[in-house]
Amino acid sequence: MRLDDFKRQKILKYNKFMQSLFYLLGYSKDDITEPGTQKFFCKKAKTLITDEFLDKMADYDFMGPKDGEYKSYQTLNYIEKNIEGMNLADIEAVSMVAGRLFKWL
Protein backbone atom coordinates (compact mmCIF):
# COMPACT_ATOMS: atom_id res chain seq x y z
CA MET A 1 0.00 0.00 0.00
CA ARG A 2 1.30 3.44 -0.88
CA LEU A 3 0.47 4.83 2.55
CA ASP A 4 2.89 2.33 4.07
CA ASP A 5 5.61 3.60 1.74
CA PHE A 6 4.77 7.14 2.81
CA LYS A 7 5.16 6.16 6.48
CA ARG A 8 8.60 4.66 5.78
CA GLN A 9 10.01 7.94 4.48
CA LYS A 10 12.70 9.27 6.79
CA ILE A 11 11.66 12.91 6.44
CA LEU A 12 8.23 14.25 5.60
CA LYS A 13 8.33 17.55 3.78
CA TYR A 14 5.50 20.03 4.38
CA ASN A 15 4.91 18.96 7.97
CA LYS A 16 2.45 21.81 8.61
CA PHE A 17 -0.25 20.22 6.49
CA MET A 18 0.25 16.83 8.15
CA GLN A 19 0.03 18.49 11.56
CA SER A 20 -3.18 20.22 10.45
CA LEU A 21 -4.62 16.96 9.17
CA PHE A 22 -4.05 15.30 12.53
CA TYR A 23 -5.65 18.24 14.32
CA LEU A 24 -8.69 18.14 12.04
CA LEU A 25 -9.14 14.45 12.81
CA GLY A 26 -9.15 15.17 16.54
CA TYR A 27 -5.62 14.27 17.59
CA SER A 28 -4.14 16.42 20.33
CA LYS A 29 -0.86 18.32 20.31
CA ASP A 30 0.59 15.83 22.78
CA ASP A 31 -0.02 13.03 20.25
CA ILE A 32 2.01 14.58 17.43
CA THR A 33 4.43 17.19 18.75
CA GLU A 34 7.75 17.07 20.54
CA PRO A 35 7.23 17.22 24.31
CA GLY A 36 6.94 20.78 25.61
CA THR A 37 6.89 22.33 22.13
CA GLN A 38 4.58 22.91 19.19
CA LYS A 39 7.05 21.36 16.75
CA PHE A 40 5.59 18.50 14.70
CA PHE A 41 7.27 15.21 15.66
CA CYS A 42 7.22 13.29 12.40
CA LYS A 43 8.49 10.01 13.82
CA LYS A 44 5.79 9.93 16.50
CA ALA A 45 3.04 11.03 14.13
CA LYS A 46 3.88 8.37 11.54
CA THR A 47 3.10 5.67 14.11
CA LEU A 48 -0.45 7.05 14.27
CA ILE A 49 -1.08 6.52 10.55
CA THR A 50 -2.98 3.28 11.03
CA ASP A 51 -6.36 1.85 10.16
CA GLU A 52 -7.83 4.03 12.92
CA PHE A 53 -6.40 7.11 11.16
CA LEU A 54 -7.99 6.01 7.88
CA ASP A 55 -11.29 5.28 9.66
CA LYS A 56 -11.28 8.80 11.12
CA MET A 57 -10.77 10.19 7.62
CA ALA A 58 -13.59 8.04 6.21
CA ASP A 59 -15.97 8.92 9.05
CA TYR A 60 -15.21 12.65 9.06
CA ASP A 61 -18.33 14.68 8.30
CA PHE A 62 -17.49 18.14 7.02
CA MET A 63 -21.08 19.37 7.03
CA GLY A 64 -22.88 20.97 9.93
CA PRO A 65 -21.84 21.87 13.44
CA LYS A 66 -19.43 19.66 15.33
CA ASP A 67 -20.26 18.21 18.72
CA GLY A 68 -17.72 17.92 21.48
CA GLU A 69 -14.90 19.93 22.90
CA TYR A 70 -12.24 21.27 20.56
CA LYS A 71 -8.99 23.02 21.32
CA SER A 72 -8.22 26.29 19.52
CA TYR A 73 -5.67 24.51 17.30
CA GLN A 74 -8.32 22.04 16.12
CA THR A 75 -10.53 24.71 14.57
CA LEU A 76 -10.84 25.33 10.85
CA ASN A 77 -9.60 28.90 11.23
CA TYR A 78 -6.34 27.71 12.79
CA ILE A 79 -5.92 24.90 10.27
CA GLU A 80 -6.55 27.18 7.28
CA LYS A 81 -4.00 29.66 8.60
CA ASN A 82 -1.54 26.81 9.20
CA ILE A 83 -1.64 25.61 5.57
CA GLU A 84 -1.89 29.05 3.99
CA GLY A 85 0.48 29.45 1.07
CA MET A 86 0.88 25.73 0.40
CA ASN A 87 -0.24 24.40 -2.93
CA LEU A 88 -1.10 20.96 -4.17
CA ALA A 89 1.38 20.93 -7.06
CA ASP A 90 4.39 21.51 -4.79
CA ILE A 91 3.31 18.80 -2.38
CA GLU A 92 2.53 16.29 -5.14
CA ALA A 93 6.00 16.92 -6.60
CA VAL A 94 7.45 15.55 -3.36
CA SER A 95 4.99 12.70 -2.78
CA MET A 96 1.81 11.58 -4.50
CA VAL A 97 0.43 10.23 -1.22
CA ALA A 98 1.15 13.50 0.57
CA GLY A 99 -0.63 15.29 -2.29
CA ARG A 100 -3.72 13.11 -1.88
CA LEU A 101 -3.77 13.72 1.88
CA PHE A 102 -3.39 17.46 1.30
CA LYS A 103 -6.19 17.42 -1.25
CA TRP A 104 -8.45 15.63 1.26
CA LEU A 105 -7.58 18.22 3.89
PDB file of N, CA and C in Angstrom:
ATOM      1  N   MET A   1       0.841  -1.179   0.000  1.00  0.00           N
ATOM      2  CA  MET A   1       0.000   0.000   0.000  1.00  0.00           C
ATOM      3  C   MET A   1       0.891   1.249   0.000  1.00  0.00           C
ATOM      4  N   ARG A   2       0.493   2.232  -0.741  1.00  0.00           N
ATOM      5  CA  ARG A   2       1.298   3.442  -0.879  1.00  0.00           C
ATOM      6  C   ARG A   2       1.417   4.220   0.424  1.00  0.00           C
ATOM      7  N   LEU A   3       0.411   4.139   1.263  1.00  0.00           N
ATOM      8  CA  LEU A   3       0.470   4.834   2.546  1.00  0.00           C
ATOM      9  C   LEU A   3       1.577   4.244   3.421  1.00  0.00           C
ATOM     10  N   ASP A   4       1.792   2.951   3.329  1.00  0.00           N
ATOM     11  CA  ASP A   4       2.887   2.326   4.072  1.00  0.00           C
ATOM     12  C   ASP A   4       4.238   2.846   3.587  1.00  0.00           C
ATOM     13  N   ASP A   5       4.383   3.016   2.279  1.00  0.00           N
ATOM     14  CA  ASP A   5       5.615   3.599   1.737  1.00  0.00           C
ATOM     15  C   ASP A   5       5.815   5.029   2.245  1.00  0.00           C
ATOM     16  N   PHE A   6       4.731   5.767   2.311  1.00  0.00           N
ATOM     17  CA  PHE A   6       4.767   7.135   2.813  1.00  0.00           C
ATOM     18  C   PHE A   6       5.243   7.156   4.262  1.00  0.00           C
ATOM     19  N   LYS A   7       4.763   6.226   5.071  1.00  0.00           N
ATOM     20  CA  LYS A   7       5.159   6.158   6.484  1.00  0.00           C
ATOM     21  C   LYS A   7       6.637   5.802   6.646  1.00  0.00           C
ATOM     22  N   ARG A   8       7.197   5.080   5.687  1.00  0.00           N
ATOM     23  CA  ARG A   8       8.596   4.660   5.780  1.00  0.00           C
ATOM     24  C   ARG A   8       9.586   5.761   5.407  1.00  0.00           C
ATOM     25  N   GLN A   9       9.111   6.850   4.836  1.00  0.00           N
ATOM     26  CA  GLN A   9      10.008   7.944   4.478  1.00  0.00           C
ATOM     27  C   GLN A   9      10.668   8.488   5.739  1.00  0.00           C
ATOM     28  N   LYS A  10      11.947   8.762   5.636  1.00  0.00           N
ATOM     29  CA  LYS A  10      12.696   9.273   6.790  1.00  0.00           C
ATOM     30  C   LYS A  10      12.233  10.673   7.180  1.00  0.00           C
ATOM     31  N   ILE A  11      12.040  11.524   6.183  1.00  0.00           N
ATOM     32  CA  ILE A  11      11.659  12.913   6.436  1.00  0.00           C
ATOM     33  C   ILE A  11      10.406  13.223   5.632  1.00  0.00           C
ATOM     34  N   LEU A  12       9.434  13.807   6.296  1.00  0.00           N
ATOM     35  CA  LEU A  12       8.234  14.255   5.603  1.00  0.00           C
ATOM     36  C   LEU A  12       8.350  15.746   5.366  1.00  0.00           C
ATOM     37  N   LYS A  13       8.290  16.139   4.114  1.00  0.00           N
ATOM     38  CA  LYS A  13       8.328  17.550   3.784  1.00  0.00           C
ATOM     39  C   LYS A  13       6.916  18.109   3.934  1.00  0.00           C
ATOM     40  N   TYR A  14       6.793  19.376   4.180  1.00  0.00           N
ATOM     41  CA  TYR A  14       5.501  20.034   4.383  1.00  0.00           C
ATOM     42  C   TYR A  14       4.778  19.473   5.613  1.00  0.00           C
ATOM     43  N   ASN A  15       5.464  19.495   6.731  1.00  0.00           N
ATOM     44  CA  ASN A  15       4.911  18.964   7.969  1.00  0.00           C
ATOM     45  C   ASN A  15       3.681  19.720   8.456  1.00  0.00           C
ATOM     46  N   LYS A  16       3.577  21.002   8.127  1.00  0.00           N
ATOM     47  CA  LYS A  16       2.449  21.807   8.615  1.00  0.00           C
ATOM     48  C   LYS A  16       1.105  21.241   8.160  1.00  0.00           C
ATOM     49  N   PHE A  17       1.035  20.752   6.934  1.00  0.00           N
ATOM     50  CA  PHE A  17      -0.246  20.223   6.490  1.00  0.00           C
ATOM     51  C   PHE A  17      -0.546  18.891   7.172  1.00  0.00           C
ATOM     52  N   MET A  18       0.477  18.088   7.443  1.00  0.00           N
ATOM     53  CA  MET A  18       0.253  16.827   8.153  1.00  0.00           C
ATOM     54  C   MET A  18      -0.203  17.120   9.586  1.00  0.00           C
ATOM     55  N   GLN A  19       0.416  18.096  10.214  1.00  0.00           N
ATOM     56  CA  GLN A  19       0.027  18.489  11.560  1.00  0.00           C
ATOM     57  C   GLN A  19      -1.436  18.952  11.555  1.00  0.00           C
ATOM     58  N   SER A  20      -1.801  19.726  10.562  1.00  0.00           N
ATOM     59  CA  SER A  20      -3.175  20.220  10.449  1.00  0.00           C
ATOM     60  C   SER A  20      -4.160  19.085  10.215  1.00  0.00           C
ATOM     61  N   LEU A  21      -3.758  18.111   9.424  1.00  0.00           N
ATOM     62  CA  LEU A  21      -4.622  16.959   9.170  1.00  0.00           C
ATOM     63  C   LEU A  21      -4.894  16.196  10.463  1.00  0.00           C
ATOM     64  N   PHE A  22      -3.868  15.980  11.249  1.00  0.00           N
ATOM     65  CA  PHE A  22      -4.053  15.299  12.529  1.00  0.00           C
ATOM     66  C   PHE A  22      -4.978  16.105  13.443  1.00  0.00           C
ATOM     67  N   TYR A  23      -4.797  17.408  13.492  1.00  0.00           N
ATOM     68  CA  TYR A  23      -5.653  18.244  14.324  1.00  0.00           C
ATOM     69  C   TYR A  23      -7.106  18.168  13.867  1.00  0.00           C
ATOM     70  N   LEU A  24      -7.332  18.205  12.568  1.00  0.00           N
ATOM     71  CA  LEU A  24      -8.687  18.137  12.040  1.00  0.00           C
ATOM     72  C   LEU A  24      -9.364  16.822  12.420  1.00  0.00           C
ATOM     73  N   LEU A  25      -8.591  15.757  12.483  1.00  0.00           N
ATOM     74  CA  LEU A  25      -9.142  14.447  12.815  1.00  0.00           C
ATOM     75  C   LEU A  25      -9.280  14.226  14.320  1.00  0.00           C
ATOM     76  N   GLY A  26      -8.921  15.237  15.111  1.00  0.00           N
ATOM     77  CA  GLY A  26      -9.154  15.168  16.541  1.00  0.00           C
ATOM     78  C   GLY A  26      -7.973  14.744  17.391  1.00  0.00           C
ATOM     79  N   TYR A  27      -6.808  14.600  16.796  1.00  0.00           N
ATOM     80  CA  TYR A  27      -5.617  14.269  17.588  1.00  0.00           C
ATOM     81  C   TYR A  27      -5.176  15.508  18.361  1.00  0.00           C
ATOM     82  N   SER A  28      -4.589  15.289  19.518  1.00  0.00           N
ATOM     83  CA  SER A  28      -4.142  16.417  20.329  1.00  0.00           C
ATOM     84  C   SER A  28      -2.683  16.744  20.038  1.00  0.00           C
ATOM     85  N   LYS A  29      -2.259  17.907  20.499  1.00  0.00           N
ATOM     86  CA  LYS A  29      -0.861  18.322  20.313  1.00  0.00           C
ATOM     87  C   LYS A  29       0.095  17.312  20.929  1.00  0.00           C
ATOM     88  N   ASP A  30      -0.279  16.789  22.093  1.00  0.00           N
ATOM     89  CA  ASP A  30       0.591  15.831  22.777  1.00  0.00           C
ATOM     90  C   ASP A  30       0.823  14.565  21.950  1.00  0.00           C
ATOM     91  N   ASP A  31      -0.132  14.237  21.080  1.00  0.00           N
ATOM     92  CA  ASP A  31      -0.017  13.035  20.246  1.00  0.00           C
ATOM     93  C   ASP A  31       1.023  13.188  19.145  1.00  0.00           C
ATOM     94  N   ILE A  32       1.226  14.421  18.663  1.00  0.00           N
ATOM     95  CA  ILE A  32       2.013  14.579  17.429  1.00  0.00           C
ATOM     96  C   ILE A  32       3.129  15.617  17.489  1.00  0.00           C
ATOM     97  N   THR A  33       3.367  16.195  18.657  1.00  0.00           N
ATOM     98  CA  THR A  33       4.435  17.186  18.753  1.00  0.00           C
ATOM     99  C   THR A  33       5.513  16.724  19.726  1.00  0.00           C
ATOM    100  N   GLU A  34       6.674  17.356  19.606  1.00  0.00           N
ATOM    101  CA  GLU A  34       7.749  17.066  20.539  1.00  0.00           C
ATOM    102  C   GLU A  34       7.331  17.569  21.917  1.00  0.00           C
ATOM    103  N   PRO A  35       7.660  16.835  22.964  1.00  0.00           N
ATOM    104  CA  PRO A  35       7.230  17.225  24.313  1.00  0.00           C
ATOM    105  C   PRO A  35       7.643  18.655  24.671  1.00  0.00           C
ATOM    106  N   GLY A  36       6.674  19.408  25.166  1.00  0.00           N
ATOM    107  CA  GLY A  36       6.942  20.775  25.606  1.00  0.00           C
ATOM    108  C   GLY A  36       7.054  21.802  24.501  1.00  0.00           C
ATOM    109  N   THR A  37       6.796  21.399  23.253  1.00  0.00           N
ATOM    110  CA  THR A  37       6.888  22.334  22.132  1.00  0.00           C
ATOM    111  C   THR A  37       5.642  22.218  21.255  1.00  0.00           C
ATOM    112  N   GLN A  38       5.625  23.032  20.194  1.00  0.00           N
ATOM    113  CA  GLN A  38       4.578  22.911  19.191  1.00  0.00           C
ATOM    114  C   GLN A  38       5.140  22.335  17.892  1.00  0.00           C
ATOM    115  N   LYS A  39       6.385  21.880  17.930  1.00  0.00           N
ATOM    116  CA  LYS A  39       7.050  21.360  16.745  1.00  0.00           C
ATOM    117  C   LYS A  39       6.538  19.959  16.414  1.00  0.00           C
ATOM    118  N   PHE A  40       6.107  19.783  15.183  1.00  0.00           N
ATOM    119  CA  PHE A  40       5.595  18.502  14.704  1.00  0.00           C
ATOM    120  C   PHE A  40       6.672  17.441  14.838  1.00  0.00           C
ATOM    121  N   PHE A  41       6.339  16.318  15.457  1.00  0.00           N
ATOM    122  CA  PHE A  41       7.267  15.208  15.659  1.00  0.00           C
ATOM    123  C   PHE A  41       6.892  14.115  14.675  1.00  0.00           C
ATOM    124  N   CYS A  42       7.540  14.161  13.527  1.00  0.00           N
ATOM    125  CA  CYS A  42       7.220  13.290  12.403  1.00  0.00           C
ATOM    126  C   CYS A  42       7.269  11.808  12.782  1.00  0.00           C
ATOM    127  N   LYS A  43       8.303  11.416  13.479  1.00  0.00           N
ATOM    128  CA  LYS A  43       8.485  10.007  13.820  1.00  0.00           C
ATOM    129  C   LYS A  43       7.329   9.489  14.683  1.00  0.00           C
ATOM    130  N   LYS A  44       6.909  10.285  15.626  1.00  0.00           N
ATOM    131  CA  LYS A  44       5.794   9.925  16.504  1.00  0.00           C
ATOM    132  C   LYS A  44       4.474   9.914  15.733  1.00  0.00           C
ATOM    133  N   ALA A  45       4.285  10.915  14.889  1.00  0.00           N
ATOM    134  CA  ALA A  45       3.038  11.033  14.134  1.00  0.00           C
ATOM    135  C   ALA A  45       2.865   9.886  13.138  1.00  0.00           C
ATOM    136  N   LYS A  46       3.977   9.453  12.530  1.00  0.00           N
ATOM    137  CA  LYS A  46       3.877   8.371  11.541  1.00  0.00           C
ATOM    138  C   LYS A  46       3.361   7.080  12.165  1.00  0.00           C
ATOM    139  N   THR A  47       3.610   6.878  13.454  1.00  0.00           N
ATOM    140  CA  THR A  47       3.101   5.666  14.113  1.00  0.00           C
ATOM    141  C   THR A  47       1.581   5.708  14.253  1.00  0.00           C
ATOM    142  N   LEU A  48       1.001   6.895  14.148  1.00  0.00           N
ATOM    143  CA  LEU A  48      -0.451   7.045  14.268  1.00  0.00           C
ATOM    144  C   LEU A  48      -1.180   6.860  12.945  1.00  0.00           C
ATOM    145  N   ILE A  49      -0.445   6.746  11.851  1.00  0.00           N
ATOM    146  CA  ILE A  49      -1.081   6.523  10.553  1.00  0.00           C
ATOM    147  C   ILE A  49      -1.375   5.027  10.449  1.00  0.00           C
ATOM    148  N   THR A  50      -2.536   4.672  10.956  1.00  0.00           N
ATOM    149  CA  THR A  50      -2.976   3.282  11.032  1.00  0.00           C
ATOM    150  C   THR A  50      -4.374   3.177  10.432  1.00  0.00           C
ATOM    151  N   ASP A  51      -4.980   2.023  10.618  1.00  0.00           N
ATOM    152  CA  ASP A  51      -6.358   1.847  10.162  1.00  0.00           C
ATOM    153  C   ASP A  51      -7.297   2.806  10.891  1.00  0.00           C
ATOM    154  N   GLU A  52      -7.008   3.089  12.155  1.00  0.00           N
ATOM    155  CA  GLU A  52      -7.826   4.035  12.917  1.00  0.00           C
ATOM    156  C   GLU A  52      -7.765   5.431  12.286  1.00  0.00           C
ATOM    157  N   PHE A  53      -6.592   5.836  11.850  1.00  0.00           N
ATOM    158  CA  PHE A  53      -6.403   7.111  11.163  1.00  0.00           C
ATOM    159  C   PHE A  53      -7.268   7.153   9.897  1.00  0.00           C
ATOM    160  N   LEU A  54      -7.199   6.075   9.113  1.00  0.00           N
ATOM    161  CA  LEU A  54      -7.992   6.009   7.882  1.00  0.00           C
ATOM    162  C   LEU A  54      -9.486   5.989   8.185  1.00  0.00           C
ATOM    163  N   ASP A  55      -9.882   5.301   9.259  1.00  0.00           N
ATOM    164  CA  ASP A  55     -11.290   5.283   9.655  1.00  0.00           C
ATOM    165  C   ASP A  55     -11.766   6.678  10.038  1.00  0.00           C
ATOM    166  N   LYS A  56     -10.915   7.428  10.750  1.00  0.00           N
ATOM    167  CA  LYS A  56     -11.280   8.798  11.120  1.00  0.00           C
ATOM    168  C   LYS A  56     -11.469   9.655   9.874  1.00  0.00           C
ATOM    169  N   MET A  57     -10.618   9.445   8.871  1.00  0.00           N
ATOM    170  CA  MET A  57     -10.767  10.193   7.623  1.00  0.00           C
ATOM    171  C   MET A  57     -12.076   9.816   6.932  1.00  0.00           C
ATOM    172  N   ALA A  58     -12.370   8.519   6.891  1.00  0.00           N
ATOM    173  CA  ALA A  58     -13.585   8.043   6.215  1.00  0.00           C
ATOM    174  C   ALA A  58     -14.848   8.511   6.940  1.00  0.00           C
ATOM    175  N   ASP A  59     -14.794   8.559   8.257  1.00  0.00           N
ATOM    176  CA  ASP A  59     -15.967   8.921   9.052  1.00  0.00           C
ATOM    177  C   ASP A  59     -16.130  10.425   9.243  1.00  0.00           C
ATOM    178  N   TYR A  60     -15.142  11.216   8.842  1.00  0.00           N
ATOM    179  CA  TYR A  60     -15.208  12.655   9.064  1.00  0.00           C
ATOM    180  C   TYR A  60     -16.357  13.258   8.264  1.00  0.00           C
ATOM    181  N   ASP A  61     -17.194  14.010   8.943  1.00  0.00           N
ATOM    182  CA  ASP A  61     -18.326  14.681   8.301  1.00  0.00           C
ATOM    183  C   ASP A  61     -18.054  16.179   8.299  1.00  0.00           C
ATOM    184  N   PHE A  62     -17.851  16.725   7.125  1.00  0.00           N
ATOM    185  CA  PHE A  62     -17.491  18.138   7.019  1.00  0.00           C
ATOM    186  C   PHE A  62     -18.695  19.066   7.081  1.00  0.00           C
ATOM    187  N   MET A  63     -19.883  18.524   7.042  1.00  0.00           N
ATOM    188  CA  MET A  63     -21.082  19.370   7.026  1.00  0.00           C
ATOM    189  C   MET A  63     -21.654  19.529   8.425  1.00  0.00           C
ATOM    190  N   GLY A  64     -22.164  20.709   8.687  1.00  0.00           N
ATOM    191  CA  GLY A  64     -22.875  20.967   9.932  1.00  0.00           C
ATOM    192  C   GLY A  64     -21.971  21.232  11.118  1.00  0.00           C
ATOM    193  N   PRO A  65     -22.604  21.578  12.227  1.00  0.00           N
ATOM    194  CA  PRO A  65     -21.845  21.874  13.443  1.00  0.00           C
ATOM    195  C   PRO A  65     -21.226  20.609  14.030  1.00  0.00           C
ATOM    196  N   LYS A  66     -20.137  20.776  14.719  1.00  0.00           N
ATOM    197  CA  LYS A  66     -19.425  19.657  15.334  1.00  0.00           C
ATOM    198  C   LYS A  66     -19.753  19.600  16.822  1.00  0.00           C
ATOM    199  N   ASP A  67     -20.010  18.407  17.303  1.00  0.00           N
ATOM    200  CA  ASP A  67     -20.261  18.207  18.724  1.00  0.00           C
ATOM    201  C   ASP A  67     -18.941  17.959  19.432  1.00  0.00           C
ATOM    202  N   GLY A  68     -18.906  18.233  20.697  1.00  0.00           N
ATOM    203  CA  GLY A  68     -17.722  17.925  21.479  1.00  0.00           C
ATOM    204  C   GLY A  68     -16.873  19.145  21.766  1.00  0.00           C
ATOM    205  N   GLU A  69     -15.834  18.889  22.520  1.00  0.00           N
ATOM    206  CA  GLU A  69     -14.897  19.930  22.904  1.00  0.00           C
ATOM    207  C   GLU A  69     -13.726  19.944  21.932  1.00  0.00           C
ATOM    208  N   TYR A  70     -13.360  21.130  21.477  1.00  0.00           N
ATOM    209  CA  TYR A  70     -12.244  21.270  20.560  1.00  0.00           C
ATOM    210  C   TYR A  70     -11.287  22.322  21.083  1.00  0.00           C
ATOM    211  N   LYS A  71     -10.015  22.055  20.949  1.00  0.00           N
ATOM    212  CA  LYS A  71      -8.991  23.021  21.321  1.00  0.00           C
ATOM    213  C   LYS A  71      -8.896  24.074  20.211  1.00  0.00           C
ATOM    214  N   SER A  72      -8.306  25.208  20.512  1.00  0.00           N
ATOM    215  CA  SER A  72      -8.216  26.288  19.521  1.00  0.00           C
ATOM    216  C   SER A  72      -7.429  25.856  18.285  1.00  0.00           C
ATOM    217  N   TYR A  73      -6.460  24.962  18.441  1.00  0.00           N
ATOM    218  CA  TYR A  73      -5.667  24.508  17.304  1.00  0.00           C
ATOM    219  C   TYR A  73      -6.386  23.457  16.459  1.00  0.00           C
ATOM    220  N   GLN A  74      -7.548  23.015  16.890  1.00  0.00           N
ATOM    221  CA  GLN A  74      -8.319  22.038  16.122  1.00  0.00           C
ATOM    222  C   GLN A  74      -9.450  22.692  15.323  1.00  0.00           C
ATOM    223  N   THR A  75      -9.478  24.009  15.298  1.00  0.00           N
ATOM    224  CA  THR A  75     -10.533  24.712  14.573  1.00  0.00           C
ATOM    225  C   THR A  75     -10.130  24.934  13.117  1.00  0.00           C
ATOM    226  N   LEU A  76     -11.120  25.111  12.272  1.00  0.00           N
ATOM    227  CA  LEU A  76     -10.845  25.331  10.851  1.00  0.00           C
ATOM    228  C   LEU A  76     -10.063  26.610  10.618  1.00  0.00           C
ATOM    229  N   ASN A  77     -10.338  27.641  11.391  1.00  0.00           N
ATOM    230  CA  ASN A  77      -9.600  28.904  11.227  1.00  0.00           C
ATOM    231  C   ASN A  77      -8.110  28.687  11.446  1.00  0.00           C
ATOM    232  N   TYR A  78      -7.748  27.966  12.499  1.00  0.00           N
ATOM    233  CA  TYR A  78      -6.342  27.706  12.790  1.00  0.00           C
ATOM    234  C   TYR A  78      -5.724  26.842  11.686  1.00  0.00           C
ATOM    235  N   ILE A  79      -6.440  25.821  11.277  1.00  0.00           N
ATOM    236  CA  ILE A  79      -5.923  24.896  10.266  1.00  0.00           C
ATOM    237  C   ILE A  79      -5.725  25.610   8.930  1.00  0.00           C
ATOM    238  N   GLU A  80      -6.692  26.430   8.528  1.00  0.00           N
ATOM    239  CA  GLU A  80      -6.552  27.182   7.279  1.00  0.00           C
ATOM    240  C   GLU A  80      -5.348  28.116   7.318  1.00  0.00           C
ATOM    241  N   LYS A  81      -5.144  28.761   8.453  1.00  0.00           N
ATOM    242  CA  LYS A  81      -3.999  29.657   8.601  1.00  0.00           C
ATOM    243  C   LYS A  81      -2.687  28.861   8.565  1.00  0.00           C
ATOM    244  N   ASN A  82      -2.719  27.664   9.120  1.00  0.00           N
ATOM    245  CA  ASN A  82      -1.538  26.807   9.198  1.00  0.00           C
ATOM    246  C   ASN A  82      -1.067  26.340   7.815  1.00  0.00           C
ATOM    247  N   ILE A  83      -2.005  26.116   6.904  1.00  0.00           N
ATOM    248  CA  ILE A  83      -1.638  25.610   5.573  1.00  0.00           C
ATOM    249  C   ILE A  83      -1.650  26.702   4.506  1.00  0.00           C
ATOM    250  N   GLU A  84      -1.864  27.922   4.927  1.00  0.00           N
ATOM    251  CA  GLU A  84      -1.889  29.054   3.995  1.00  0.00           C
ATOM    252  C   GLU A  84      -0.578  29.125   3.212  1.00  0.00           C
ATOM    253  N   GLY A  85      -0.694  29.316   1.921  1.00  0.00           N
ATOM    254  CA  GLY A  85       0.481  29.451   1.067  1.00  0.00           C
ATOM    255  C   GLY A  85       0.979  28.137   0.478  1.00  0.00           C
ATOM    256  N   MET A  86       0.487  27.024   0.970  1.00  0.00           N
ATOM    257  CA  MET A  86       0.884  25.728   0.402  1.00  0.00           C
ATOM    258  C   MET A  86       0.003  25.443  -0.810  1.00  0.00           C
ATOM    259  N   ASN A  87       0.597  24.779  -1.796  1.00  0.00           N
ATOM    260  CA  ASN A  87      -0.244  24.403  -2.930  1.00  0.00           C
ATOM    261  C   ASN A  87      -0.030  22.937  -3.292  1.00  0.00           C
ATOM    262  N   LEU A  88      -1.059  22.387  -3.862  1.00  0.00           N
ATOM    263  CA  LEU A  88      -1.100  20.957  -4.168  1.00  0.00           C
ATOM    264  C   LEU A  88       0.032  20.525  -5.090  1.00  0.00           C
ATOM    265  N   ALA A  89       0.351  21.316  -6.084  1.00  0.00           N
ATOM    266  CA  ALA A  89       1.384  20.931  -7.056  1.00  0.00           C
ATOM    267  C   ALA A  89       2.741  20.743  -6.390  1.00  0.00           C
ATOM    268  N   ASP A  90       3.106  21.628  -5.482  1.00  0.00           N
ATOM    269  CA  ASP A  90       4.391  21.507  -4.787  1.00  0.00           C
ATOM    270  C   ASP A  90       4.442  20.254  -3.928  1.00  0.00           C
ATOM    271  N   ILE A  91       3.350  19.964  -3.260  1.00  0.00           N
ATOM    272  CA  ILE A  91       3.314  18.798  -2.381  1.00  0.00           C
ATOM    273  C   ILE A  91       3.312  17.514  -3.197  1.00  0.00           C
ATOM    274  N   GLU A  92       2.549  17.476  -4.291  1.00  0.00           N
ATOM    275  CA  GLU A  92       2.534  16.285  -5.143  1.00  0.00           C
ATOM    276  C   GLU A  92       3.890  16.038  -5.794  1.00  0.00           C
ATOM    277  N   ALA A  93       4.663  17.083  -6.025  1.00  0.00           N
ATOM    278  CA  ALA A  93       5.997  16.924  -6.601  1.00  0.00           C
ATOM    279  C   ALA A  93       6.913  16.152  -5.657  1.00  0.00           C
ATOM    280  N   VAL A  94       6.663  16.260  -4.362  1.00  0.00           N
ATOM    281  CA  VAL A  94       7.453  15.547  -3.363  1.00  0.00           C
ATOM    282  C   VAL A  94       6.923  14.131  -3.161  1.00  0.00           C
ATOM    283  N   SER A  95       5.601  14.004  -3.042  1.00  0.00           N
ATOM    284  CA  SER A  95       4.994  12.701  -2.777  1.00  0.00           C
ATOM    285  C   SER A  95       3.545  12.698  -3.250  1.00  0.00           C
ATOM    286  N   MET A  96       3.180  11.685  -4.029  1.00  0.00           N
ATOM    287  CA  MET A  96       1.810  11.584  -4.501  1.00  0.00           C
ATOM    288  C   MET A  96       0.858  11.351  -3.326  1.00  0.00           C
ATOM    289  N   VAL A  97       1.267  10.523  -2.375  1.00  0.00           N
ATOM    290  CA  VAL A  97       0.428  10.226  -1.216  1.00  0.00           C
ATOM    291  C   VAL A  97       0.217  11.491  -0.385  1.00  0.00           C
ATOM    292  N   ALA A  98       1.276  12.248  -0.166  1.00  0.00           N
ATOM    293  CA  ALA A  98       1.146  13.505   0.575  1.00  0.00           C
ATOM    294  C   ALA A  98       0.200  14.444  -0.169  1.00  0.00           C
ATOM    295  N   GLY A  99       0.277  14.460  -1.488  1.00  0.00           N
ATOM    296  CA  GLY A  99      -0.627  15.286  -2.287  1.00  0.00           C
ATOM    297  C   GLY A  99      -2.070  14.890  -2.109  1.00  0.00           C
ATOM    298  N   ARG A 100      -2.330  13.589  -2.068  1.00  0.00           N
ATOM    299  CA  ARG A 100      -3.717  13.111  -1.878  1.00  0.00           C
ATOM    300  C   ARG A 100      -4.216  13.484  -0.484  1.00  0.00           C
ATOM    301  N   LEU A 101      -3.367  13.341   0.522  1.00  0.00           N
ATOM    302  CA  LEU A 101      -3.768  13.718   1.879  1.00  0.00           C
ATOM    303  C   LEU A 101      -4.030  15.220   1.970  1.00  0.00           C
ATOM    304  N   PHE A 102      -3.195  16.017   1.312  1.00  0.00           N
ATOM    305  CA  PHE A 102      -3.388  17.462   1.302  1.00  0.00           C
ATOM    306  C   PHE A 102      -4.689  17.818   0.599  1.00  0.00           C
ATOM    307  N   LYS A 103      -4.960  17.158  -0.495  1.00  0.00           N
ATOM    308  CA  LYS A 103      -6.193  17.418  -1.245  1.00  0.00           C
ATOM    309  C   LYS A 103      -7.405  17.080  -0.395  1.00  0.00           C
ATOM    310  N   TRP A 104      -7.343  15.999   0.376  1.00  0.00           N
ATOM    311  CA  TRP A 104      -8.449  15.631   1.256  1.00  0.00           C
ATOM    312  C   TRP A 104      -8.635  16.701   2.326  1.00  0.00           C
ATOM    313  N   LEU A 105      -7.538  17.210   2.839  1.00  0.00           N
ATOM    314  CA  LEU A 105      -7.584  18.222   3.889  1.00  0.00           C
ATOM    315  C   LEU A 105      -8.245  19.484   3.365  1.00  0.00           C
TER     316      LEU A 105
END
